[in-house]
Amino acid sequence: MSTVNEIAAISRIKELITLQTQLSSAFPENEYNVFVFGSYPTVHFSQGESDVDIAVYCDSISLYKKISFEIERFFEEKNIPVDLFYIDLNLPAPFYVAPLTAQIQFTDYYPDKLKSFAGKCSDMLYQVKRSMAV
């Protein structure tokens, strides 16, 4: 038997599927990817306290602006705050590891240059963790 938190998480995942469908009908899926990470799709999300963590990857800033507008509007209608950011391949950083390894990705668009970038970010995270352990 499912708990209240599990039922709520399933409902939020269904909302993400609705958003994914809206985006895929508006934008070519071979030009972007949306990564959902953090507590939103889990039982740990707390309505009124948590937000939705989303990162968007695409090669075009203008496409990013259009996609981010749709994402923000979608969650604004549900009165859920969004922490939304662009994945900038010019600035590898450890904080990109979470979105780039997220289980929820809206498309299959994950080109080689993004894979290489993810590797650089993972290496940086490893170095940070290693320096903290010393």
Foldseek 3Di string as FASTA:
>chain_A
DDDPLLVQLVVLVVLVVVLLVVVVVVDPQQFKKKFWFDPNNHSPDDPPPDATEIEMEGPDPVVVVVSVVSVCVSVVVVVGHYDYYYDDLVDQALVVLGRVPGPDMSHPHQDPSNVVSNVVNVVRVVVVVVVVVD
